[in-house]
Amino acid sequence: MSWRPAPARALLVLSVLLFAGLVPVGLGAAAPPSPGSAPVSGASNPLTAHLTGPSVLALKGTGAFYMVAFNGTAVNTSGLVGNYTFTTQLLGPNTTGAFVQPPSGAFATNNQTFTVGSISSTGTYTLAVSLTSHGPSGNETANFTKTFQVVTPYLLTATVYNPGNRTVTGASVEVLLDGNFLGSAGLTSLAPLTHATFTYNYTTLGLSPGEHTFTLVIQSVPGLLVFSGGSHSVSVSFYVQAPAANYTLDWEAGIVLALLAIFISVMIVVPRRSRSRKNP
């Protein structure tokens, strides 16, 4: 009887195709739609909404989120004939002491602003809003979410002095990063021979590796206000380290390739030995 390696070769081809991601294995179902994106079953005018807000918040800071509601039983061809109510929930690693304001209530028209704040731990958080449309034909409810990151901000502080003999009002301090304008903040009215502390939080998901420089510049009548040392601007430079290299995926790919090579060797070498034994 001659040797027939067809089943083994078929297995080899299947293994290679699976490794290359060309043959579906039935494990990947279609991704579910985002909350609120699919119409409510049987509704001709389904409730939907847009929930927007910042993608990053400072630790223990605050942020404003904005929701606009559309359609549902509260609306017909004549316009708004009912109203929208809501309840909120903050989800994340540590929501103790954090708040959403208002936590529940009713829209004045078709929109509502939420303030989220006092989150004391970094991580990924989600503002979840359960929205209900009330109208003559009944009620309809849908859920909407907005995910954001809470990070430790860069905290910039400096002392501003008024060395003169007149009160200074209307002054501000500009903040620049690597020469690019970030924002500004007004200063309180400074009486003669007094000082005030300027504070600015810069919230970001991260800076690129390398050296960076923050610069503060006083905007007022020249000479009236100064930083410590008598200057009108002050800079601080710092260095951001590059993240450590992660070879986990490379090692995993190397192991898979090694196992695949061994498998191929077995499929090729073993049949040849078997054939040589049967046909001396």
Protein backbone atom coordinates (compact mmCIF):
# COMPACT_ATOMS: atom_id res chain seq x y z
CA MET A 1 0.00 0.00 0.00
CA SER A 2 1.43 3.37 -0.96
CA TRP A 3 1.63 6.20 1.59
CA ARG A 4 -0.97 8.98 1.21
CA PRO A 5 0.02 12.18 2.98
CA ALA A 6 -3.01 14.16 1.75
CA PRO A 7 -4.75 14.47 5.19
CA ALA A 8 -1.53 15.63 6.85
CA ARG A 9 -0.92 18.17 4.08
CA ALA A 10 -4.48 19.43 4.40
CA LEU A 11 -3.89 19.89 8.12
CA LEU A 12 -0.68 21.75 7.37
CA VAL A 13 -2.41 24.10 4.92
CA LEU A 14 -5.21 24.74 7.39
CA SER A 15 -2.67 25.52 10.14
CA VAL A 16 -0.83 28.00 7.94
CA LEU A 17 -4.08 29.70 6.92
CA LEU A 18 -5.20 29.98 10.52
CA PHE A 19 -1.83 31.47 11.46
CA ALA A 20 -2.14 34.01 8.64
CA GLY A 21 -5.68 34.91 9.72
CA LEU A 22 -7.19 33.83 6.38
CA VAL A 23 -9.62 31.16 7.60
CA PRO A 24 -12.40 32.23 10.01
CA VAL A 25 -12.73 30.02 13.03
CA GLY A 26 -16.16 31.14 14.16
CA LEU A 27 -14.89 33.00 17.25
CA GLY A 28 -15.33 36.58 16.05
CA ALA A 29 -18.92 37.72 16.05
CA ALA A 30 -19.92 41.09 14.68
CA ALA A 31 -19.21 43.92 17.10
CA PRO A 32 -22.33 45.15 18.92
CA PRO A 33 -23.55 48.64 18.06
CA SER A 34 -22.66 51.44 20.41
CA PRO A 35 -25.29 52.24 23.08
CA GLY A 36 -28.18 54.18 21.62
CA SER A 37 -27.06 53.78 17.99
CA ALA A 38 -29.68 51.15 17.11
CA PRO A 39 -33.37 52.09 16.83
CA VAL A 40 -35.79 50.74 19.40
CA SER A 41 -37.69 47.79 17.99
CA GLY A 42 -41.02 48.82 16.55
CA ALA A 43 -40.40 52.55 16.91
CA SER A 44 -40.89 54.65 13.76
CA ASN A 45 -39.18 57.65 15.32
CA PRO A 46 -36.52 56.09 17.58
CA LEU A 47 -34.98 57.93 20.50
CA THR A 48 -31.33 58.84 20.06
CA ALA A 49 -28.87 61.34 21.48
CA HIS A 50 -25.35 62.72 21.18
CA LEU A 51 -23.28 62.70 24.38
CA THR A 52 -20.04 64.63 24.04
CA GLY A 53 -17.32 65.82 26.40
CA PRO A 54 -13.58 65.86 27.07
CA SER A 55 -11.51 62.76 26.37
CA VAL A 56 -9.24 63.49 29.34
CA LEU A 57 -9.84 65.03 32.79
CA ALA A 58 -7.38 66.15 35.42
CA LEU A 59 -7.21 64.21 38.65
CA LYS A 60 -9.67 65.84 41.11
CA GLY A 61 -10.61 68.33 38.39
CA THR A 62 -13.95 68.94 36.66
CA GLY A 63 -15.23 68.63 33.12
CA ALA A 64 -18.43 69.53 31.26
CA PHE A 65 -20.33 66.96 29.20
CA TYR A 66 -23.15 67.88 26.84
CA MET A 67 -26.11 65.80 25.65
CA VAL A 68 -28.59 66.60 22.87
CA ALA A 69 -31.66 64.35 22.53
CA PHE A 70 -33.48 63.60 19.28
CA ASN A 71 -36.84 62.04 18.41
CA GLY A 72 -38.58 59.46 20.54
CA THR A 73 -42.14 59.74 21.80
CA ALA A 74 -41.44 63.31 22.99
CA VAL A 75 -41.34 64.49 19.38
CA ASN A 76 -43.78 64.31 16.48
CA THR A 77 -44.12 66.14 13.18
CA SER A 78 -45.20 69.26 15.06
CA GLY A 79 -42.04 69.34 17.17
CA LEU A 80 -41.52 68.73 20.89
CA VAL A 81 -44.77 67.46 22.40
CA GLY A 82 -43.33 65.87 25.55
CA ASN A 83 -40.09 65.98 27.49
CA TYR A 84 -36.91 64.08 28.29
CA THR A 85 -35.78 62.86 31.71
CA PHE A 86 -32.49 61.28 32.70
CA THR A 87 -30.51 59.48 35.36
CA THR A 88 -26.71 59.29 35.39
CA GLN A 89 -24.05 56.93 36.67
CA LEU A 90 -20.26 57.27 36.85
CA LEU A 91 -18.36 54.04 36.22
CA GLY A 92 -14.65 53.48 36.81
CA PRO A 93 -11.89 52.17 39.10
CA ASN A 94 -12.69 54.50 42.00
CA THR A 95 -15.74 56.74 42.06
CA THR A 96 -15.74 57.37 45.83
CA GLY A 97 -16.21 61.11 46.39
CA ALA A 98 -16.73 61.80 42.68
CA PHE A 99 -19.90 63.46 41.42
CA VAL A 100 -22.11 64.00 38.38
CA GLN A 101 -24.17 67.15 38.55
CA PRO A 102 -27.10 67.02 38.08
CA PRO A 103 -27.38 63.28 38.83
CA SER A 104 -30.95 63.13 37.47
CA GLY A 105 -33.73 65.39 36.30
CA ALA A 106 -35.46 66.67 33.19
CA PHE A 107 -34.22 68.54 30.14
CA ALA A 108 -35.43 72.12 29.81
CA THR A 109 -35.86 71.50 26.06
CA ASN A 110 -33.82 68.83 24.27
CA ASN A 111 -30.35 69.32 25.78
CA GLN A 112 -28.55 69.08 29.10
CA THR A 113 -25.07 69.83 30.47
CA PHE A 114 -23.47 67.52 33.05
CA THR A 115 -20.50 68.40 35.25
CA VAL A 116 -18.24 65.52 36.31
CA GLY A 117 -15.59 66.07 38.96
CA SER A 118 -13.57 65.15 42.05
CA ILE A 119 -12.34 61.81 40.70
CA SER A 120 -9.45 60.86 42.98
CA SER A 121 -7.87 57.96 41.06
CA THR A 122 -6.45 57.83 37.55
CA GLY A 123 -7.80 55.41 34.96
CA THR A 124 -10.59 54.92 32.45
CA TYR A 125 -14.04 56.18 33.42
CA THR A 126 -17.45 56.25 31.76
CA LEU A 127 -20.34 58.66 32.13
CA ALA A 128 -23.51 56.62 31.56
CA VAL A 129 -26.84 58.37 30.95
CA SER A 130 -30.19 56.62 30.89
CA LEU A 131 -32.46 58.85 28.80
CA THR A 132 -36.26 58.56 28.69
CA SER A 133 -38.53 60.23 26.16
CA HIS A 134 -42.03 61.00 27.44
CA GLY A 135 -44.85 61.70 25.01
CA PRO A 136 -48.56 61.20 24.26
CA SER A 137 -47.90 57.72 22.83
CA GLY A 138 -45.91 56.50 25.84
CA ASN A 139 -42.34 56.41 27.10
CA GLU A 140 -39.14 55.23 25.46
CA THR A 141 -35.74 54.70 27.13
CA ALA A 142 -32.23 54.35 25.73
CA ASN A 143 -28.75 54.35 27.27
CA PHE A 144 -25.75 56.42 26.18
CA THR A 145 -22.14 56.55 27.35
CA LYS A 146 -19.01 58.68 27.05
CA THR A 147 -15.65 57.22 28.07
CA PHE A 148 -12.71 59.38 29.17
CA GLN A 149 -9.33 59.14 30.88
CA VAL A 150 -8.42 60.67 34.24
CA VAL A 151 -4.73 61.58 34.47
CA THR A 152 -2.36 63.42 36.77
CA PRO A 153 -1.90 66.89 35.21
CA TYR A 154 1.19 69.03 34.98
CA LEU A 155 0.77 71.61 37.76
CA LEU A 156 2.40 74.99 37.10
CA THR A 157 2.65 77.54 39.91
CA ALA A 158 4.45 80.86 40.19
CA THR A 159 4.34 83.93 42.41
CA VAL A 160 3.58 87.27 40.78
CA TYR A 161 4.69 90.47 42.57
CA ASN A 162 3.55 94.06 42.38
CA PRO A 163 6.64 96.08 43.40
CA GLY A 164 5.08 99.42 42.51
CA ASN A 165 2.96 101.98 44.34
CA ARG A 166 -0.27 101.55 42.34
CA THR A 167 -2.91 98.83 42.21
CA VAL A 168 -2.78 96.65 39.09
CA THR A 169 -5.95 95.13 37.62
CA GLY A 170 -6.71 93.23 34.41
CA ALA A 171 -3.37 91.41 34.22
CA SER A 172 -3.04 87.79 33.11
CA VAL A 173 -0.42 85.09 32.64
CA GLU A 174 0.03 83.23 29.36
CA VAL A 175 1.20 79.61 29.33
CA LEU A 176 3.28 78.18 26.48
CA LEU A 177 4.64 74.69 25.88
CA ASP A 178 7.65 74.48 23.60
CA GLY A 179 6.73 77.93 22.29
CA ASN A 180 3.10 77.01 21.54
CA PHE A 181 0.29 78.85 23.31
CA LEU A 182 -1.74 76.64 25.68
CA GLY A 183 -3.93 79.15 27.46
CA SER A 184 -4.02 82.00 29.94
CA ALA A 185 -5.50 82.87 33.31
CA GLY A 186 -6.36 86.23 34.83
CA LEU A 187 -4.75 87.53 37.99
CA THR A 188 -6.57 89.01 40.93
CA SER A 189 -6.24 92.72 41.54
CA LEU A 190 -2.84 93.35 43.11
CA ALA A 191 -2.41 96.22 45.55
CA PRO A 192 1.00 97.94 45.86
CA LEU A 193 3.76 95.80 47.36
CA THR A 194 1.63 92.61 47.39
CA HIS A 195 1.84 89.32 45.54
CA ALA A 196 -0.42 86.52 44.26
CA THR A 197 0.08 82.88 43.35
CA PHE A 198 -0.66 81.83 39.78
CA THR A 199 -1.70 78.19 39.18
CA TYR A 200 -2.30 76.37 35.90
CA ASN A 201 -3.14 72.70 35.29
CA TYR A 202 -2.10 71.26 31.94
CA THR A 203 -3.97 68.01 31.34
CA THR A 204 -2.73 65.66 28.64
CA LEU A 205 -2.56 61.95 27.89
CA GLY A 206 1.18 62.30 27.52
CA LEU A 207 4.05 64.23 25.95
CA SER A 208 6.43 62.88 23.36
CA PRO A 209 9.82 61.63 24.60
CA GLY A 210 12.50 64.30 24.79
CA GLU A 211 13.00 67.74 26.30
CA HIS A 212 10.07 70.13 26.78
CA THR A 213 9.77 73.64 28.17
CA PHE A 214 6.90 75.42 29.89
CA THR A 215 7.00 79.24 29.77
CA LEU A 216 4.88 81.71 31.76
CA VAL A 217 4.58 85.28 30.49
CA ILE A 218 2.92 88.15 32.38
CA GLN A 219 0.56 90.21 30.24
CA SER A 220 0.17 93.68 31.77
CA VAL A 221 1.53 97.18 31.47
CA PRO A 222 5.31 96.56 31.18
CA GLY A 223 7.14 96.87 34.45
CA LEU A 224 4.13 96.81 36.74
CA LEU A 225 4.15 93.11 37.62
CA VAL A 226 7.09 90.70 37.79
CA PHE A 227 8.00 87.18 38.78
CA SER A 228 10.56 86.44 41.46
CA GLY A 229 13.87 87.95 40.34
CA GLY A 230 12.21 90.83 38.50
CA SER A 231 11.53 89.13 35.14
CA HIS A 232 8.31 89.24 33.12
CA SER A 233 8.62 85.61 32.01
CA VAL A 234 9.89 82.41 33.54
CA SER A 235 10.64 79.02 31.98
CA VAL A 236 11.22 75.51 33.24
CA SER A 237 12.55 72.63 31.13
CA PHE A 238 12.15 68.92 31.80
CA TYR A 239 12.82 65.64 30.03
CA VAL A 240 10.28 62.94 29.22
CA GLN A 241 11.75 59.44 29.10
CA ALA A 242 10.77 57.10 26.29
CA PRO A 243 8.70 54.12 27.46
CA ALA A 244 10.53 50.86 27.95
CA ALA A 245 10.49 48.56 24.93
CA ASN A 246 7.93 45.77 25.07
CA TYR A 247 9.05 42.58 23.38
CA THR A 248 6.12 40.45 24.52
CA LEU A 249 4.44 40.34 21.12
CA ASP A 250 7.75 39.70 19.36
CA TRP A 251 8.49 36.75 21.65
CA GLU A 252 4.98 35.36 21.17
CA ALA A 253 5.29 35.61 17.40
CA GLY A 254 8.73 33.96 17.56
CA ILE A 255 7.36 31.05 19.58
CA VAL A 256 4.47 30.55 17.14
CA LEU A 257 6.82 30.63 14.15
CA ALA A 258 9.16 28.14 15.83
CA LEU A 259 6.31 25.74 16.55
CA LEU A 260 5.04 26.12 13.00
CA ALA A 261 8.52 25.34 11.63
CA ILE A 262 8.71 22.19 13.78
CA PHE A 263 5.26 21.15 12.59
CA ILE A 264 6.26 21.58 8.95
CA SER A 265 9.47 19.60 9.53
CA VAL A 266 7.52 16.72 11.04
CA MET A 267 5.05 16.69 8.12
CA ILE A 268 7.90 16.58 5.58
CA VAL A 269 10.57 14.44 7.27
CA VAL A 270 8.46 11.72 8.90
CA PRO A 271 6.61 10.67 5.69
CA ARG A 272 9.93 10.40 3.84
CA ARG A 273 11.31 8.09 6.51
CA SER A 274 8.16 6.02 6.39
CA ARG A 275 8.42 5.71 2.61
CA SER A 276 12.10 4.72 2.79
CA ARG A 277 11.27 1.92 5.22
CA LYS A 278 8.53 0.54 2.99
CA ASN A 279 10.59 0.82 -0.21
CA PRO A 280 14.20 -0.24 0.58
